[in-house]
């Protein structure tokens, strides 16, 4: 490898690293499912999503739905209290 090529590669690697850090693409998205209070009931929301996956009248049905998704994706279920705090975390990962 010549001196010019190594400098070019170094600059390309540096630009790529800066670009990834600014856009956040270097971090892998998870499939963790959150059971959260929503309007007059409960919702299941994938971690990092703004939109909900499903909404439910009872927390227990939302938990069941979240568990089904989490088992399939080998991820976690994070159950929140009505106040928004975390009540419990259930892991289905390897």
PDB file of N, CA and C in Angstrom:
ATOM      1  N   UNK A   1       0.842  -1.172   0.000  1.00  0.00           N
ATOM      2  CA  UNK A   1       0.000   0.000   0.000  1.00  0.00           C
ATOM      3  C   UNK A   1       0.893   1.242   0.000  1.00  0.00           C
ATOM      4  N   UNK A   2       0.649   2.156  -0.887  1.00  0.00           N
ATOM      5  CA  UNK A   2       1.475   3.362  -0.972  1.00  0.00           C
ATOM      6  C   UNK A   2       1.066   4.367   0.096  1.00  0.00           C
ATOM      7  N   UNK A   3       1.920   5.361   0.259  1.00  0.00           N
ATOM      8  CA  UNK A   3       1.665   6.392   1.267  1.00  0.00           C
ATOM      9  C   UNK A   3       0.390   7.172   0.945  1.00  0.00           C
ATOM     10  N   UNK A   4       0.146   7.480  -0.358  1.00  0.00           N
ATOM     11  CA  UNK A   4      -1.059   8.197  -0.775  1.00  0.00           C
ATOM     12  C   UNK A   4      -2.319   7.402  -0.458  1.00  0.00           C
ATOM     13  N   UNK A   5      -2.283   6.109  -0.759  1.00  0.00           N
ATOM     14  CA  UNK A   5      -3.445   5.256  -0.525  1.00  0.00           C
ATOM     15  C   UNK A   5      -3.766   5.166   0.958  1.00  0.00           C
ATOM     16  N   UNK A   6      -2.759   5.040   1.805  1.00  0.00           N
ATOM     17  CA  UNK A   6      -3.022   4.928   3.237  1.00  0.00           C
ATOM     18  C   UNK A   6      -3.622   6.221   3.789  1.00  0.00           C
ATOM     19  N   UNK A   7      -3.180   7.383   3.312  1.00  0.00           N
ATOM     20  CA  UNK A   7      -3.773   8.644   3.738  1.00  0.00           C
ATOM     21  C   UNK A   7      -5.225   8.757   3.282  1.00  0.00           C
ATOM     22  N   UNK A   8      -5.473   8.351   2.039  1.00  0.00           N
ATOM     23  CA  UNK A   8      -6.842   8.398   1.514  1.00  0.00           C
ATOM     24  C   UNK A   8      -7.758   7.497   2.340  1.00  0.00           C
ATOM     25  N   UNK A   9      -7.277   6.297   2.652  1.00  0.00           N
ATOM     26  CA  UNK A   9      -8.084   5.361   3.433  1.00  0.00           C
ATOM     27  C   UNK A   9      -8.328   5.894   4.838  1.00  0.00           C
ATOM     28  N   UNK A  10      -7.317   6.485   5.427  1.00  0.00           N
ATOM     29  CA  UNK A  10      -7.447   7.069   6.760  1.00  0.00           C
ATOM     30  C   UNK A  10      -8.498   8.172   6.769  1.00  0.00           C
ATOM     31  N   UNK A  11      -8.468   9.028   5.762  1.00  0.00           N
ATOM     32  CA  UNK A  11      -9.446  10.123   5.668  1.00  0.00           C
ATOM     33  C   UNK A  11     -10.848   9.568   5.442  1.00  0.00           C
ATOM     34  N   UNK A  12     -10.984   8.571   4.581  1.00  0.00           N
ATOM     35  CA  UNK A  12     -12.299   7.965   4.341  1.00  0.00           C
ATOM     36  C   UNK A  12     -12.848   7.326   5.620  1.00  0.00           C
ATOM     37  N   UNK A  13     -12.003   6.618   6.346  1.00  0.00           N
ATOM     38  CA  UNK A  13     -12.431   5.998   7.605  1.00  0.00           C
ATOM     39  C   UNK A  13     -12.855   7.043   8.624  1.00  0.00           C
ATOM     40  N   UNK A  14     -12.116   8.140   8.685  1.00  0.00           N
ATOM     41  CA  UNK A  14     -12.433   9.220   9.607  1.00  0.00           C
ATOM     42  C   UNK A  14     -13.775   9.872   9.257  1.00  0.00           C
ATOM     43  N   UNK A  15     -14.001  10.147   7.982  1.00  0.00           N
ATOM     44  CA  UNK A  15     -15.266  10.742   7.538  1.00  0.00           C
ATOM     45  C   UNK A  15     -16.442   9.803   7.843  1.00  0.00           C
ATOM     46  N   UNK A  16     -16.241   8.506   7.609  1.00  0.00           N
ATOM     47  CA  UNK A  16     -17.299   7.525   7.886  1.00  0.00           C
ATOM     48  C   UNK A  16     -17.621   7.489   9.374  1.00  0.00           C
ATOM     49  N   UNK A  17     -16.609   7.493  10.231  1.00  0.00           N
ATOM     50  CA  UNK A  17     -16.817   7.456  11.683  1.00  0.00           C
ATOM     51  C   UNK A  17     -17.548   8.703  12.165  1.00  0.00           C
ATOM     52  N   UNK A  18     -17.174   9.861  11.646  1.00  0.00           N
ATOM     53  CA  UNK A  18     -17.842  11.109  12.029  1.00  0.00           C
ATOM     54  C   UNK A  18     -19.289  11.100  11.563  1.00  0.00           C
ATOM     55  N   UNK A  19     -19.507  10.652  10.346  1.00  0.00           N
ATOM     56  CA  UNK A  19     -20.862  10.585   9.789  1.00  0.00           C
ATOM     57  C   UNK A  19     -21.757   9.668  10.622  1.00  0.00           C
ATOM     58  N   UNK A  20     -21.254   8.501  10.988  1.00  0.00           N
ATOM     59  CA  UNK A  20     -22.042   7.558  11.791  1.00  0.00           C
ATOM     60  C   UNK A  20     -22.349   8.119  13.170  1.00  0.00           C
ATOM     61  N   UNK A  21     -21.399   8.820  13.769  1.00  0.00           N
ATOM     62  CA  UNK A  21     -21.643   9.367  15.094  1.00  0.00           C
ATOM     63  C   UNK A  21     -22.679  10.487  15.056  1.00  0.00           C
ATOM     64  N   UNK A  22     -22.726  11.233  13.975  1.00  0.00           N
ATOM     65  CA  UNK A  22     -23.697  12.315  13.861  1.00  0.00           C
ATOM     66  C   UNK A  22     -25.095  11.812  13.552  1.00  0.00           C
ATOM     67  N   UNK A  23     -25.202  10.761  12.753  1.00  0.00           N
ATOM     68  CA  UNK A  23     -26.517  10.244  12.365  1.00  0.00           C
ATOM     69  C   UNK A  23     -27.025   9.164  13.298  1.00  0.00           C
ATOM     70  N   UNK A  24     -26.168   8.622  14.136  1.00  0.00           N
ATOM     71  CA  UNK A  24     -26.590   7.594  15.070  1.00  0.00           C
ATOM     72  C   UNK A  24     -26.752   6.224  14.447  1.00  0.00           C
ATOM     73  N   UNK A  25     -26.239   5.993  13.244  1.00  0.00           N
ATOM     74  CA  UNK A  25     -26.408   4.708  12.581  1.00  0.00           C
ATOM     75  C   UNK A  25     -25.478   3.636  13.132  1.00  0.00           C
ATOM     76  N   UNK A  26     -24.521   4.019  13.950  1.00  0.00           N
ATOM     77  CA  UNK A  26     -23.598   3.025  14.476  1.00  0.00           C
ATOM     78  C   UNK A  26     -24.246   2.194  15.585  1.00  0.00           C
ATOM     79  N   UNK A  27     -25.361   2.671  16.144  1.00  0.00           N
ATOM     80  CA  UNK A  27     -26.034   1.963  17.214  1.00  0.00           C
ATOM     81  C   UNK A  27     -27.137   1.074  16.657  1.00  0.00           C
ATOM     82  N   UNK A  28     -27.117  -0.168  17.025  1.00  0.00           N
ATOM     83  CA  UNK A  28     -28.109  -1.127  16.548  1.00  0.00           C
ATOM     84  C   UNK A  28     -29.433  -0.926  17.275  1.00  0.00           C
ATOM     85  N   UNK A  29     -30.535  -0.922  16.539  1.00  0.00           N
ATOM     86  CA  UNK A  29     -31.865  -0.810  17.156  1.00  0.00           C
ATOM     87  C   UNK A  29     -32.236  -2.119  17.817  1.00  0.00           C
ATOM     88  N   UNK A  30     -32.960  -2.018  18.896  1.00  0.00           N
ATOM     89  CA  UNK A  30     -33.402  -3.212  19.607  1.00  0.00           C
ATOM     90  C   UNK A  30     -34.876  -3.475  19.333  1.00  0.00           C
ATOM     91  N   UNK A  31     -35.321  -4.646  19.716  1.00  0.00           N
ATOM     92  CA  UNK A  31     -36.729  -5.015  19.589  1.00  0.00           C
ATOM     93  C   UNK A  31     -37.424  -5.037  20.946  1.00  0.00           C
ATOM     94  N   UNK A  32     -36.819  -4.373  21.965  1.00  0.00           N
ATOM     95  CA  UNK A  32     -37.437  -4.340  23.287  1.00  0.00           C
ATOM     96  C   UNK A  32     -38.822  -3.702  23.195  1.00  0.00           C
ATOM     97  N   UNK A  33     -39.786  -4.301  23.889  1.00  0.00           N
ATOM     98  CA  UNK A  33     -41.165  -3.834  23.861  1.00  0.00           C
ATOM     99  C   UNK A  33     -41.514  -3.189  25.197  1.00  0.00           C
ATOM    100  N   UNK A  34     -42.033  -1.969  25.137  1.00  0.00           N
ATOM    101  CA  UNK A  34     -42.439  -1.245  26.344  1.00  0.00           C
ATOM    102  C   UNK A  34     -43.951  -1.265  26.455  1.00  0.00           C
ATOM    103  N   UNK A  35     -44.446  -1.582  27.646  1.00  0.00           N
ATOM    104  CA  UNK A  35     -45.873  -1.492  27.948  1.00  0.00           C
ATOM    105  C   UNK A  35     -46.040  -0.175  28.700  1.00  0.00           C
ATOM    106  N   UNK A  36     -46.727   0.773  28.063  1.00  0.00           N
ATOM    107  CA  UNK A  36     -46.799   2.138  28.594  1.00  0.00           C
ATOM    108  C   UNK A  36     -48.249   2.613  28.702  1.00  0.00           C
ATOM    109  N   UNK A  37     -48.504   3.545  29.652  1.00  0.00           N
ATOM    110  CA  UNK A  37     -49.848   4.137  29.712  1.00  0.00           C
ATOM    111  C   UNK A  37     -50.105   4.945  28.437  1.00  0.00           C
ATOM    112  N   UNK A  38     -51.348   4.853  27.928  1.00  0.00           N
ATOM    113  CA  UNK A  38     -51.676   5.527  26.672  1.00  0.00           C
ATOM    114  C   UNK A  38     -53.145   5.905  26.670  1.00  0.00           C
ATOM    115  N   UNK A  39     -53.427   7.192  26.546  1.00  0.00           N
ATOM    116  CA  UNK A  39     -54.798   7.713  26.557  1.00  0.00           C
ATOM    117  C   UNK A  39     -55.568   7.116  27.727  1.00  0.00           C
ATOM    118  N   UNK A  40     -56.644   6.358  27.469  1.00  0.00           N
ATOM    119  CA  UNK A  40     -57.440   5.776  28.558  1.00  0.00           C
ATOM    120  C   UNK A  40     -57.082   4.326  28.824  1.00  0.00           C
ATOM    121  N   UNK A  41     -55.931   3.873  28.363  1.00  0.00           N
ATOM    122  CA  UNK A  41     -55.567   2.473  28.540  1.00  0.00           C
ATOM    123  C   UNK A  41     -54.067   2.284  28.534  1.00  0.00           C
ATOM    124  N   UNK A  42     -53.643   1.248  27.795  1.00  0.00           N
ATOM    125  CA  UNK A  42     -52.231   0.867  27.737  1.00  0.00           C
ATOM    126  C   UNK A  42     -51.824   0.606  26.298  1.00  0.00           C
ATOM    127  N   UNK A  43     -50.552   0.741  26.035  1.00  0.00           N
ATOM    128  CA  UNK A  43     -50.043   0.513  24.680  1.00  0.00           C
ATOM    129  C   UNK A  43     -48.742  -0.254  24.730  1.00  0.00           C
ATOM    130  N   UNK A  44     -48.463  -0.934  23.626  1.00  0.00           N
ATOM    131  CA  UNK A  44     -47.170  -1.584  23.424  1.00  0.00           C
ATOM    132  C   UNK A  44     -46.420  -0.733  22.412  1.00  0.00           C
ATOM    133  N   UNK A  45     -45.173  -0.414  22.745  1.00  0.00           N
ATOM    134  CA  UNK A  45     -44.368   0.430  21.867  1.00  0.00           C
ATOM    135  C   UNK A  45     -42.962  -0.151  21.784  1.00  0.00           C
ATOM    136  N   UNK A  46     -42.453  -0.295  20.567  1.00  0.00           N
ATOM    137  CA  UNK A  46     -41.077  -0.755  20.382  1.00  0.00           C
ATOM    138  C   UNK A  46     -40.120   0.342  20.847  1.00  0.00           C
ATOM    139  N   UNK A  47     -39.051  -0.060  21.507  1.00  0.00           N
ATOM    140  CA  UNK A  47     -38.079   0.901  22.021  1.00  0.00           C
ATOM    141  C   UNK A  47     -37.540   1.775  20.887  1.00  0.00           C
ATOM    142  N   UNK A  48     -37.611   3.078  21.085  1.00  0.00           N
ATOM    143  CA  UNK A  48     -37.124   4.029  20.087  1.00  0.00           C
ATOM    144  C   UNK A  48     -38.194   4.520  19.130  1.00  0.00           C
ATOM    145  N   UNK A  49     -39.352   3.863  19.096  1.00  0.00           N
ATOM    146  CA  UNK A  49     -40.430   4.285  18.194  1.00  0.00           C
ATOM    147  C   UNK A  49     -41.277   5.378  18.827  1.00  0.00           C
ATOM    148  N   UNK A  50     -41.783   6.269  17.995  1.00  0.00           N
ATOM    149  CA  UNK A  50     -42.736   7.269  18.459  1.00  0.00           C
ATOM    150  C   UNK A  50     -44.153   6.702  18.400  1.00  0.00           C
ATOM    151  N   UNK A  51     -44.407   5.908  17.359  1.00  0.00           N
ATOM    152  CA  UNK A  51     -45.742   5.317  17.188  1.00  0.00           C
ATOM    153  C   UNK A  51     -45.876   4.064  18.026  1.00  0.00           C
ATOM    154  N   UNK A  52     -47.110   3.752  18.401  1.00  0.00           N
ATOM    155  CA  UNK A  52     -47.371   2.544  19.183  1.00  0.00           C
ATOM    156  C   UNK A  52     -47.577   1.347  18.253  1.00  0.00           C
ATOM    157  N   UNK A  53     -47.318   0.167  18.792  1.00  0.00           N
ATOM    158  CA  UNK A  53     -47.539  -1.073  18.049  1.00  0.00           C
ATOM    159  C   UNK A  53     -48.997  -1.494  18.167  1.00  0.00           C
ATOM    160  N   UNK A  54     -49.538  -1.406  19.406  1.00  0.00           N
ATOM    161  CA  UNK A  54     -50.942  -1.759  19.645  1.00  0.00           C
ATOM    162  C   UNK A  54     -51.425  -1.063  20.909  1.00  0.00           C
ATOM    163  N   UNK A  55     -52.753  -0.855  21.003  1.00  0.00           N
ATOM    164  CA  UNK A  55     -53.312  -0.267  22.219  1.00  0.00           C
ATOM    165  C   UNK A  55     -54.351  -1.207  22.814  1.00  0.00           C
ATOM    166  N   UNK A  56     -54.490  -1.142  24.148  1.00  0.00           N
ATOM    167  CA  UNK A  56     -55.321  -2.097  24.883  1.00  0.00           C
ATOM    168  C   UNK A  56     -56.037  -1.387  26.026  1.00  0.00           C
ATOM    169  N   UNK A  57     -57.178  -1.960  26.432  1.00  0.00           N
ATOM    170  CA  UNK A  57     -57.930  -1.403  27.561  1.00  0.00           C
ATOM    171  C   UNK A  57     -57.270  -1.775  28.884  1.00  0.00           C
ATOM    172  N   UNK A  58     -56.718  -2.993  28.961  1.00  0.00           N
ATOM    173  CA  UNK A  58     -56.122  -3.470  30.213  1.00  0.00           C
ATOM    174  C   UNK A  58     -54.614  -3.663  30.054  1.00  0.00           C
ATOM    175  N   UNK A  59     -53.891  -3.423  31.138  1.00  0.00           N
ATOM    176  CA  UNK A  59     -52.444  -3.601  31.112  1.00  0.00           C
ATOM    177  C   UNK A  59     -52.084  -5.066  30.861  1.00  0.00           C
ATOM    178  N   UNK A  60     -52.869  -5.981  31.390  1.00  0.00           N
ATOM    179  CA  UNK A  60     -52.558  -7.409  31.242  1.00  0.00           C
ATOM    180  C   UNK A  60     -52.587  -7.859  29.780  1.00  0.00           C
ATOM    181  N   UNK A  61     -53.503  -7.329  28.986  1.00  0.00           N
ATOM    182  CA  UNK A  61     -53.537  -7.706  27.571  1.00  0.00           C
ATOM    183  C   UNK A  61     -52.371  -7.070  26.806  1.00  0.00           C
ATOM    184  N   UNK A  62     -51.991  -5.871  27.205  1.00  0.00           N
ATOM    185  CA  UNK A  62     -50.827  -5.229  26.589  1.00  0.00           C
ATOM    186  C   UNK A  62     -49.557  -6.018  26.914  1.00  0.00           C
ATOM    187  N   UNK A  63     -49.452  -6.508  28.133  1.00  0.00           N
ATOM    188  CA  UNK A  63     -48.292  -7.305  28.538  1.00  0.00           C
ATOM    189  C   UNK A  63     -48.235  -8.599  27.730  1.00  0.00           C
ATOM    190  N   UNK A  64     -49.371  -9.244  27.543  1.00  0.00           N
ATOM    191  CA  UNK A  64     -49.411 -10.487  26.755  1.00  0.00           C
ATOM    192  C   UNK A  64     -48.930 -10.253  25.328  1.00  0.00           C
ATOM    193  N   UNK A  65     -49.394  -9.171  24.714  1.00  0.00           N
ATOM    194  CA  UNK A  65     -48.979  -8.832  23.348  1.00  0.00           C
ATOM    195  C   UNK A  65     -47.479  -8.546  23.295  1.00  0.00           C
ATOM    196  N   UNK A  66     -46.977  -7.779  24.262  1.00  0.00           N
ATOM    197  CA  UNK A  66     -45.553  -7.442  24.302  1.00  0.00           C
ATOM    198  C   UNK A  66     -44.702  -8.700  24.484  1.00  0.00           C
ATOM    199  N   UNK A  67     -45.164  -9.623  25.322  1.00  0.00           N
ATOM    200  CA  UNK A  67     -44.433 -10.877  25.550  1.00  0.00           C
ATOM    201  C   UNK A  67     -44.359 -11.708  24.271  1.00  0.00           C
ATOM    202  N   UNK A  68     -45.453 -11.756  23.521  1.00  0.00           N
ATOM    203  CA  UNK A  68     -45.476 -12.505  22.265  1.00  0.00           C
ATOM    204  C   UNK A  68     -44.434 -11.957  21.293  1.00  0.00           C
ATOM    205  N   UNK A  69     -44.389 -10.649  21.148  1.00  0.00           N
ATOM    206  CA  UNK A  69     -43.423 -10.021  20.241  1.00  0.00           C
ATOM    207  C   UNK A  69     -41.997 -10.246  20.743  1.00  0.00           C
ATOM    208  N   UNK A  70     -41.789 -10.042  22.035  1.00  0.00           N
ATOM    209  CA  UNK A  70     -40.447 -10.161  22.608  1.00  0.00           C
ATOM    210  C   UNK A  70     -39.908 -11.587  22.499  1.00  0.00           C
ATOM    211  N   UNK A  71     -40.761 -12.581  22.697  1.00  0.00           N
ATOM    212  CA  UNK A  71     -40.322 -13.977  22.566  1.00  0.00           C
ATOM    213  C   UNK A  71     -39.878 -14.258  21.132  1.00  0.00           C
ATOM    214  N   UNK A  72     -40.655 -13.751  20.183  1.00  0.00           N
ATOM    215  CA  UNK A  72     -40.336 -13.969  18.769  1.00  0.00           C
ATOM    216  C   UNK A  72     -39.024 -13.293  18.379  1.00  0.00           C
ATOM    217  N   UNK A  73     -38.766 -12.121  18.921  1.00  0.00           N
ATOM    218  CA  UNK A  73     -37.586 -11.323  18.573  1.00  0.00           C
ATOM    219  C   UNK A  73     -36.425 -11.508  19.559  1.00  0.00           C
ATOM    220  N   UNK A  74     -36.616 -12.391  20.572  1.00  0.00           N
ATOM    221  CA  UNK A  74     -35.590 -12.625  21.595  1.00  0.00           C
ATOM    222  C   UNK A  74     -35.127 -11.304  22.222  1.00  0.00           C
ATOM    223  N   UNK A  75     -36.097 -10.556  22.726  1.00  0.00           N
ATOM    224  CA  UNK A  75     -35.814  -9.252  23.322  1.00  0.00           C
ATOM    225  C   UNK A  75     -36.462  -9.167  24.702  1.00  0.00           C
ATOM    226  N   UNK A  76     -36.583  -7.972  25.234  1.00  0.00           N
ATOM    227  CA  UNK A  76     -37.118  -7.765  26.579  1.00  0.00           C
ATOM    228  C   UNK A  76     -38.474  -7.072  26.522  1.00  0.00           C
ATOM    229  N   UNK A  77     -39.223  -7.264  27.621  1.00  0.00           N
ATOM    230  CA  UNK A  77     -40.466  -6.524  27.842  1.00  0.00           C
ATOM    231  C   UNK A  77     -40.207  -5.612  29.029  1.00  0.00           C
ATOM    232  N   UNK A  78     -40.448  -4.333  28.863  1.00  0.00           N
ATOM    233  CA  UNK A  78     -40.296  -3.369  29.945  1.00  0.00           C
ATOM    234  C   UNK A  78     -41.693  -2.863  30.282  1.00  0.00           C
ATOM    235  N   UNK A  79     -42.142  -3.168  31.496  1.00  0.00           N
ATOM    236  CA  UNK A  79     -43.497  -2.809  31.918  1.00  0.00           C
ATOM    237  C   UNK A  79     -43.416  -1.543  32.769  1.00  0.00           C
ATOM    238  N   UNK A  80     -44.190  -0.539  32.379  1.00  0.00           N
ATOM    239  CA  UNK A  80     -44.211   0.733  33.099  1.00  0.00           C
ATOM    240  C   UNK A  80     -45.428   0.823  34.006  1.00  0.00           C
ATOM    241  N   UNK A  81     -45.299   1.605  35.059  1.00  0.00           N
ATOM    242  CA  UNK A  81     -46.434   1.926  35.939  1.00  0.00           C
ATOM    243  C   UNK A  81     -47.287   3.003  35.270  1.00  0.00           C
ATOM    244  N   UNK A  82     -48.463   3.247  35.822  1.00  0.00           N
ATOM    245  CA  UNK A  82     -49.338   4.301  35.295  1.00  0.00           C
ATOM    246  C   UNK A  82     -48.662   5.666  35.400  1.00  0.00           C
ATOM    247  N   UNK A  83     -47.766   5.818  36.372  1.00  0.00           N
ATOM    248  CA  UNK A  83     -47.045   7.082  36.548  1.00  0.00           C
ATOM    249  C   UNK A  83     -45.911   7.252  35.534  1.00  0.00           C
ATOM    250  N   UNK A  84     -45.577   6.160  34.822  1.00  0.00           N
ATOM    251  CA  UNK A  84     -44.528   6.214  33.810  1.00  0.00           C
ATOM    252  C   UNK A  84     -43.234   5.535  34.214  1.00  0.00           C
ATOM    253  N   UNK A  85     -43.035   5.313  35.506  1.00  0.00           N
ATOM    254  CA  UNK A  85     -41.819   4.644  35.978  1.00  0.00           C
ATOM    255  C   UNK A  85     -41.805   3.175  35.581  1.00  0.00           C
ATOM    256  N   UNK A  86     -40.631   2.576  35.581  1.00  0.00           N
ATOM    257  CA  UNK A  86     -40.507   1.161  35.209  1.00  0.00           C
ATOM    258  C   UNK A  86     -40.871   0.280  36.396  1.00  0.00           C
ATOM    259  N   UNK A  87     -41.780  -0.656  36.167  1.00  0.00           N
ATOM    260  CA  UNK A  87     -42.234  -1.589  37.194  1.00  0.00           C
ATOM    261  C   UNK A  87     -41.458  -2.893  37.150  1.00  0.00           C
ATOM    262  N   UNK A  88     -41.232  -3.391  35.929  1.00  0.00           N
ATOM    263  CA  UNK A  88     -40.616  -4.713  35.779  1.00  0.00           C
ATOM    264  C   UNK A  88     -39.988  -4.843  34.398  1.00  0.00           C
ATOM    265  N   UNK A  89     -38.940  -5.673  34.314  1.00  0.00           N
ATOM    266  CA  UNK A  89     -38.305  -5.980  33.024  1.00  0.00           C
ATOM    267  C   UNK A  89     -38.209  -7.497  32.914  1.00  0.00           C
ATOM    268  N   UNK A  90     -38.697  -8.035  31.803  1.00  0.00           N
ATOM    269  CA  UNK A  90     -38.680  -9.481  31.568  1.00  0.00           C
ATOM    270  C   UNK A  90     -37.846  -9.729  30.324  1.00  0.00           C
ATOM    271  N   UNK A  91     -36.829 -10.556  30.450  1.00  0.00           N
ATOM    272  CA  UNK A  91     -35.943 -10.820  29.330  1.00  0.00           C
ATOM    273  C   UNK A  91     -36.217 -12.154  28.645  1.00  0.00           C
ATOM    274  N   UNK A  92     -36.232 -12.142  27.319  1.00  0.00           N
ATOM    275  CA  UNK A  92     -36.392 -13.355  26.511  1.00  0.00           C
ATOM    276  C   UNK A  92     -35.228 -13.555  25.566  1.00  0.00           C
ATOM    277  N   UNK A  93     -34.140 -12.829  25.803  1.00  0.00           N
ATOM    278  CA  UNK A  93     -32.948 -12.950  24.950  1.00  0.00           C
ATOM    279  C   UNK A  93     -32.194 -14.216  25.244  1.00  0.00           C
ATOM    280  N   UNK A  94     -31.166 -14.449  24.436  1.00  0.00           N
ATOM    281  CA  UNK A  94     -30.334 -15.634  24.619  1.00  0.00           C
ATOM    282  C   UNK A  94     -29.442 -15.516  25.820  1.00  0.00           C
TER     283      UNK A  94
END
